[in-house]
Amino acid sequence: MVSALSSFYQTIITYMGILIAVMGVLSVLTLRFFSKAAAEDMAHEAAKTAMHHYLETNKFRDEVSYAVQDIGLSGQLESVEKDLVAIKRHLKERQPSAFDNSEDEEGTIGLPPDKEAP
């Protein structure tokens, strides 16, 4: 009888040990999943708060205003460049064929060799 009771309790202890091990593995996996999700949520909220704070600073306003000014300046430069090309084309059309139409590095148009200044 003692042998039967000992075997019975040994089986119960073995099953309980297996059950505790399975519950431990499941709890580790569950905690890992939930802690990762919670950490991602916390990081997302912290990034959102930091970005909102940065958007409210004067530094951001200054950088945006400089960027807008740069865009305006680049647009003006493009316009000036187009005007310059049109002016050069217009001058080229109005020039007599006796002139040398090649430009030097400084952008000046030279006279033919026989009509150059002394």
N, C-alpha and C. Protein backbone atom coordinates (compact mmCIF):
# COMPACT_ATOMS: atom_id res chain seq x y z
N MET A 1 0.81 -1.18 0.00
CA MET A 1 0.00 0.00 0.00
C MET A 1 0.87 1.27 0.00
N VAL A 2 1.93 1.29 0.76
CA VAL A 2 2.83 2.43 0.80
C VAL A 2 3.46 2.61 -0.58
N SER A 3 3.75 1.54 -1.26
CA SER A 3 4.33 1.60 -2.58
C SER A 3 3.34 2.21 -3.57
N ALA A 4 2.08 1.88 -3.48
CA ALA A 4 1.05 2.42 -4.37
C ALA A 4 0.87 3.90 -4.09
N LEU A 5 0.82 4.30 -2.82
CA LEU A 5 0.68 5.72 -2.47
C LEU A 5 1.90 6.51 -2.93
N SER A 6 3.08 5.92 -2.77
CA SER A 6 4.30 6.60 -3.19
C SER A 6 4.32 6.79 -4.70
N SER A 7 3.92 5.78 -5.44
CA SER A 7 3.85 5.88 -6.89
C SER A 7 2.81 6.92 -7.32
N PHE A 8 1.67 6.95 -6.64
CA PHE A 8 0.60 7.91 -6.95
C PHE A 8 1.09 9.35 -6.75
N TYR A 9 1.70 9.59 -5.61
CA TYR A 9 2.18 10.95 -5.32
C TYR A 9 3.35 11.34 -6.23
N GLN A 10 4.17 10.36 -6.58
CA GLN A 10 5.27 10.64 -7.51
C GLN A 10 4.71 11.04 -8.87
N THR A 11 3.67 10.40 -9.35
CA THR A 11 3.04 10.74 -10.62
C THR A 11 2.43 12.14 -10.56
N ILE A 12 1.77 12.46 -9.46
CA ILE A 12 1.17 13.79 -9.28
C ILE A 12 2.27 14.85 -9.28
N ILE A 13 3.36 14.61 -8.57
CA ILE A 13 4.46 15.57 -8.52
C ILE A 13 5.06 15.74 -9.92
N THR A 14 5.22 14.67 -10.67
CA THR A 14 5.77 14.75 -12.03
C THR A 14 4.86 15.59 -12.92
N TYR A 15 3.55 15.30 -12.89
CA TYR A 15 2.61 16.08 -13.72
C TYR A 15 2.57 17.55 -13.30
N MET A 16 2.64 17.80 -12.01
CA MET A 16 2.65 19.18 -11.55
C MET A 16 3.93 19.91 -11.99
N GLY A 17 5.06 19.20 -11.98
CA GLY A 17 6.31 19.79 -12.45
C GLY A 17 6.24 20.13 -13.94
N ILE A 18 5.67 19.23 -14.73
CA ILE A 18 5.50 19.49 -16.17
C ILE A 18 4.55 20.66 -16.38
N LEU A 19 3.46 20.69 -15.62
CA LEU A 19 2.48 21.78 -15.72
C LEU A 19 3.11 23.12 -15.35
N ILE A 20 3.92 23.15 -14.31
CA ILE A 20 4.59 24.38 -13.90
C ILE A 20 5.58 24.82 -14.98
N ALA A 21 6.31 23.88 -15.57
CA ALA A 21 7.26 24.21 -16.63
C ALA A 21 6.54 24.80 -17.85
N VAL A 22 5.43 24.21 -18.25
CA VAL A 22 4.66 24.72 -19.40
C VAL A 22 4.11 26.10 -19.09
N MET A 23 3.59 26.28 -17.87
CA MET A 23 3.07 27.59 -17.48
C MET A 23 4.19 28.64 -17.45
N GLY A 24 5.38 28.24 -17.02
CA GLY A 24 6.53 29.15 -17.00
C GLY A 24 6.92 29.60 -18.40
N VAL A 25 6.97 28.65 -19.33
CA VAL A 25 7.31 28.98 -20.71
C VAL A 25 6.25 29.91 -21.30
N LEU A 26 4.98 29.58 -21.09
CA LEU A 26 3.89 30.43 -21.59
C LEU A 26 3.93 31.83 -20.97
N SER A 27 4.22 31.90 -19.69
CA SER A 27 4.26 33.22 -19.04
C SER A 27 5.43 34.04 -19.56
N VAL A 28 6.59 33.41 -19.80
CA VAL A 28 7.73 34.13 -20.34
C VAL A 28 7.41 34.67 -21.73
N LEU A 29 6.82 33.83 -22.58
CA LEU A 29 6.46 34.28 -23.93
C LEU A 29 5.41 35.39 -23.88
N THR A 30 4.43 35.26 -23.00
CA THR A 30 3.38 36.28 -22.89
C THR A 30 3.96 37.60 -22.40
N LEU A 31 4.77 37.54 -21.34
CA LEU A 31 5.39 38.76 -20.82
C LEU A 31 6.30 39.40 -21.86
N ARG A 32 7.03 38.58 -22.59
CA ARG A 32 7.92 39.12 -23.61
C ARG A 32 7.12 39.84 -24.70
N PHE A 33 6.03 39.23 -25.14
CA PHE A 33 5.20 39.84 -26.17
C PHE A 33 4.58 41.14 -25.67
N PHE A 34 4.00 41.10 -24.48
CA PHE A 34 3.34 42.30 -23.94
C PHE A 34 4.33 43.40 -23.59
N SER A 35 5.50 43.02 -23.09
CA SER A 35 6.48 44.04 -22.75
C SER A 35 7.04 44.69 -24.01
N LYS A 36 7.21 43.90 -25.07
CA LYS A 36 7.67 44.46 -26.33
C LYS A 36 6.63 45.42 -26.90
N ALA A 37 5.38 45.03 -26.88
CA ALA A 37 4.31 45.89 -27.37
C ALA A 37 4.21 47.16 -26.52
N ALA A 38 4.35 47.00 -25.20
CA ALA A 38 4.29 48.17 -24.32
C ALA A 38 5.47 49.09 -24.56
N ALA A 39 6.65 48.52 -24.77
CA ALA A 39 7.84 49.33 -25.03
C ALA A 39 7.69 50.08 -26.36
N GLU A 40 7.15 49.41 -27.38
CA GLU A 40 6.92 50.08 -28.66
C GLU A 40 5.91 51.21 -28.51
N ASP A 41 4.86 50.97 -27.75
CA ASP A 41 3.86 52.03 -27.53
C ASP A 41 4.48 53.21 -26.79
N MET A 42 5.29 52.92 -25.76
CA MET A 42 5.93 54.00 -25.01
C MET A 42 6.90 54.77 -25.89
N ALA A 43 7.66 54.06 -26.70
CA ALA A 43 8.62 54.73 -27.60
C ALA A 43 7.88 55.59 -28.62
N HIS A 44 6.78 55.06 -29.15
CA HIS A 44 5.98 55.82 -30.12
C HIS A 44 5.41 57.09 -29.49
N GLU A 45 4.90 56.97 -28.30
CA GLU A 45 4.36 58.14 -27.61
C GLU A 45 5.45 59.16 -27.29
N ALA A 46 6.62 58.67 -26.86
CA ALA A 46 7.72 59.58 -26.55
C ALA A 46 8.20 60.30 -27.81
N ALA A 47 8.28 59.58 -28.92
CA ALA A 47 8.69 60.21 -30.18
C ALA A 47 7.66 61.23 -30.64
N LYS A 48 6.38 60.90 -30.47
CA LYS A 48 5.32 61.83 -30.85
C LYS A 48 5.38 63.09 -30.00
N THR A 49 5.61 62.93 -28.72
CA THR A 49 5.70 64.08 -27.83
C THR A 49 6.93 64.94 -28.17
N ALA A 50 8.06 64.29 -28.41
CA ALA A 50 9.27 65.03 -28.76
C ALA A 50 9.10 65.77 -30.08
N MET A 51 8.46 65.14 -31.06
CA MET A 51 8.25 65.79 -32.35
C MET A 51 7.29 66.97 -32.20
N HIS A 52 6.25 66.80 -31.42
CA HIS A 52 5.31 67.89 -31.18
C HIS A 52 6.02 69.06 -30.49
N HIS A 53 6.86 68.74 -29.53
CA HIS A 53 7.61 69.78 -28.83
C HIS A 53 8.55 70.50 -29.79
N TYR A 54 9.24 69.74 -30.65
CA TYR A 54 10.18 70.34 -31.61
C TYR A 54 9.44 71.25 -32.60
N LEU A 55 8.27 70.83 -33.04
CA LEU A 55 7.51 71.63 -33.99
C LEU A 55 7.05 72.96 -33.39
N GLU A 56 7.01 73.03 -32.08
CA GLU A 56 6.59 74.26 -31.41
C GLU A 56 7.75 75.20 -31.09
N THR A 57 8.99 74.77 -31.34
CA THR A 57 10.15 75.59 -30.97
C THR A 57 10.42 76.67 -32.01
N ASN A 58 11.15 77.69 -31.59
CA ASN A 58 11.55 78.76 -32.50
C ASN A 58 12.58 78.28 -33.51
N LYS A 59 13.40 77.32 -33.12
CA LYS A 59 14.41 76.79 -34.03
C LYS A 59 13.74 76.21 -35.27
N PHE A 60 12.66 75.45 -35.09
CA PHE A 60 11.94 74.88 -36.22
C PHE A 60 11.36 75.98 -37.10
N ARG A 61 10.78 76.99 -36.48
CA ARG A 61 10.21 78.10 -37.26
C ARG A 61 11.30 78.80 -38.07
N ASP A 62 12.47 79.01 -37.45
CA ASP A 62 13.58 79.65 -38.17
C ASP A 62 14.03 78.80 -39.35
N GLU A 63 14.18 77.49 -39.13
CA GLU A 63 14.62 76.61 -40.21
C GLU A 63 13.61 76.58 -41.35
N VAL A 64 12.33 76.58 -41.01
CA VAL A 64 11.30 76.59 -42.06
C VAL A 64 11.33 77.91 -42.81
N SER A 65 11.48 79.01 -42.10
CA SER A 65 11.50 80.30 -42.79
C SER A 65 12.73 80.42 -43.69
N TYR A 66 13.89 79.90 -43.24
CA TYR A 66 15.08 79.91 -44.09
C TYR A 66 14.86 79.03 -45.33
N ALA A 67 14.23 77.88 -45.14
CA ALA A 67 13.96 77.00 -46.27
C ALA A 67 13.03 77.66 -47.27
N VAL A 68 12.02 78.34 -46.77
CA VAL A 68 11.08 79.04 -47.66
C VAL A 68 11.80 80.17 -48.39
N GLN A 69 12.66 80.89 -47.69
CA GLN A 69 13.43 81.94 -48.35
C GLN A 69 14.35 81.36 -49.41
N ASP A 70 14.99 80.23 -49.11
CA ASP A 70 15.86 79.57 -50.09
C ASP A 70 15.07 79.17 -51.33
N ILE A 71 13.86 78.67 -51.13
CA ILE A 71 13.02 78.28 -52.27
C ILE A 71 12.70 79.52 -53.10
N GLY A 72 12.38 80.62 -52.44
CA GLY A 72 12.11 81.86 -53.16
C GLY A 72 13.32 82.36 -53.90
N LEU A 73 14.49 82.28 -53.27
CA LEU A 73 15.72 82.72 -53.93
C LEU A 73 16.05 81.83 -55.12
N SER A 74 15.86 80.53 -54.97
CA SER A 74 16.17 79.64 -56.09
C SER A 74 15.22 79.91 -57.25
N GLY A 75 13.97 80.22 -56.95
CA GLY A 75 13.03 80.56 -58.01
C GLY A 75 13.43 81.84 -58.72
N GLN A 76 13.89 82.82 -57.95
CA GLN A 76 14.35 84.06 -58.54
C GLN A 76 15.60 83.84 -59.38
N LEU A 77 16.51 83.00 -58.92
CA LEU A 77 17.72 82.70 -59.69
C LEU A 77 17.37 82.00 -61.00
N GLU A 78 16.42 81.09 -60.96
CA GLU A 78 15.99 80.42 -62.19
C GLU A 78 15.40 81.43 -63.16
N SER A 79 14.63 82.36 -62.65
CA SER A 79 14.04 83.39 -63.50
C SER A 79 15.11 84.27 -64.12
N VAL A 80 16.10 84.67 -63.32
CA VAL A 80 17.20 85.50 -63.82
C VAL A 80 17.99 84.73 -64.88
N GLU A 81 18.21 83.44 -64.64
CA GLU A 81 18.94 82.62 -65.60
C GLU A 81 18.19 82.53 -66.93
N LYS A 82 16.90 82.35 -66.89
CA LYS A 82 16.09 82.31 -68.11
C LYS A 82 16.16 83.66 -68.83
N ASP A 83 16.07 84.74 -68.07
CA ASP A 83 16.17 86.07 -68.68
C ASP A 83 17.52 86.27 -69.34
N LEU A 84 18.59 85.80 -68.69
CA LEU A 84 19.94 85.94 -69.24
C LEU A 84 20.07 85.18 -70.55
N VAL A 85 19.54 83.98 -70.60
CA VAL A 85 19.58 83.19 -71.83
C VAL A 85 18.81 83.90 -72.93
N ALA A 86 17.64 84.46 -72.61
CA ALA A 86 16.84 85.18 -73.59
C ALA A 86 17.58 86.42 -74.09
N ILE A 87 18.23 87.14 -73.19
CA ILE A 87 18.98 88.35 -73.58
C ILE A 87 20.15 87.97 -74.49
N LYS A 88 20.88 86.91 -74.14
CA LYS A 88 21.99 86.48 -74.99
C LYS A 88 21.48 86.07 -76.38
N ARG A 89 20.37 85.37 -76.42
CA ARG A 89 19.80 84.97 -77.70
C ARG A 89 19.39 86.20 -78.51
N HIS A 90 18.78 87.16 -77.84
CA HIS A 90 18.35 88.39 -78.51
C HIS A 90 19.56 89.17 -79.04
N LEU A 91 20.62 89.28 -78.24
CA LEU A 91 21.84 89.97 -78.69
C LEU A 91 22.48 89.24 -79.87
N LYS A 92 22.47 87.94 -79.82
CA LYS A 92 23.06 87.15 -80.89
C LYS A 92 22.30 87.37 -82.20
N GLU A 93 20.99 87.47 -82.13
CA GLU A 93 20.16 87.69 -83.31
C GLU A 93 20.39 89.09 -83.88
N ARG A 94 20.64 90.09 -83.05
CA ARG A 94 20.79 91.47 -83.50
C ARG A 94 22.20 91.81 -83.94
N GLN A 95 23.19 90.96 -83.66
CA GLN A 95 24.58 91.24 -83.96
C GLN A 95 24.86 91.02 -85.44
N PRO A 96 25.68 91.90 -86.03
CA PRO A 96 26.09 91.65 -87.42
C PRO A 96 26.97 90.41 -87.49
N SER A 97 27.01 89.78 -88.63
CA SER A 97 27.76 88.54 -88.79
C SER A 97 29.27 88.76 -88.74
N ALA A 98 29.73 89.99 -88.86
CA ALA A 98 31.16 90.27 -88.82
C ALA A 98 31.75 90.10 -87.43
N PHE A 99 30.91 90.13 -86.38
CA PHE A 99 31.41 89.99 -85.02
C PHE A 99 31.68 88.53 -84.69
N ASP A 100 32.64 88.34 -83.81
CA ASP A 100 32.93 87.00 -83.30
C ASP A 100 31.91 86.68 -82.21
N ASN A 101 31.11 85.63 -82.40
CA ASN A 101 30.05 85.30 -81.45
C ASN A 101 30.53 84.41 -80.30
N SER A 102 31.78 84.07 -80.26
CA SER A 102 32.26 83.22 -79.17
C SER A 102 32.50 84.06 -77.93
N GLU A 103 32.20 83.48 -76.79
CA GLU A 103 32.37 84.18 -75.52
C GLU A 103 33.63 83.68 -74.84
N ASP A 104 34.30 84.59 -74.14
CA ASP A 104 35.43 84.15 -73.34
C ASP A 104 34.95 83.74 -71.96
N GLU A 105 35.88 83.44 -71.03
CA GLU A 105 35.48 82.96 -69.70
C GLU A 105 34.68 83.98 -68.92
N GLU A 106 34.88 85.26 -69.19
CA GLU A 106 34.18 86.30 -68.44
C GLU A 106 32.80 86.60 -69.01
N GLY A 107 32.47 85.99 -70.15
CA GLY A 107 31.15 86.19 -70.73
C GLY A 107 31.07 87.35 -71.69
N THR A 108 32.22 87.93 -72.07
CA THR A 108 32.19 89.05 -73.02
C THR A 108 32.36 88.52 -74.43
N ILE A 109 31.70 89.19 -75.36
CA ILE A 109 31.78 88.79 -76.76
C ILE A 109 32.83 89.66 -77.42
N GLY A 110 33.78 89.02 -78.10
CA GLY A 110 34.91 89.75 -78.67
C GLY A 110 34.64 90.25 -80.09
N LEU A 111 35.45 91.21 -80.53
CA LEU A 111 35.40 91.73 -81.89
C LEU A 111 36.23 90.84 -82.80
N PRO A 112 36.03 90.90 -84.12
CA PRO A 112 36.87 90.13 -85.02
C PRO A 112 38.32 90.60 -84.92
N PRO A 113 39.29 89.76 -85.24
CA PRO A 113 40.70 90.13 -85.09
C PRO A 113 41.09 91.39 -85.82
N ASP A 114 40.51 91.68 -86.98
CA ASP A 114 40.90 92.88 -87.72
C ASP A 114 40.28 94.14 -87.14
N LYS A 115 39.26 94.02 -86.26
CA LYS A 115 38.60 95.21 -85.70
C LYS A 115 38.80 95.33 -84.19
N GLU A 116 39.76 94.63 -83.63
CA GLU A 116 39.97 94.69 -82.18
C GLU A 116 40.55 96.04 -81.80
N ALA A 117 40.25 96.43 -80.55
CA ALA A 117 40.73 97.71 -80.02
C ALA A 117 42.23 97.65 -79.83
N PRO A 118 42.94 98.80 -80.00
CA PRO A 118 44.41 98.81 -79.85
C PRO A 118 44.86 98.57 -78.44
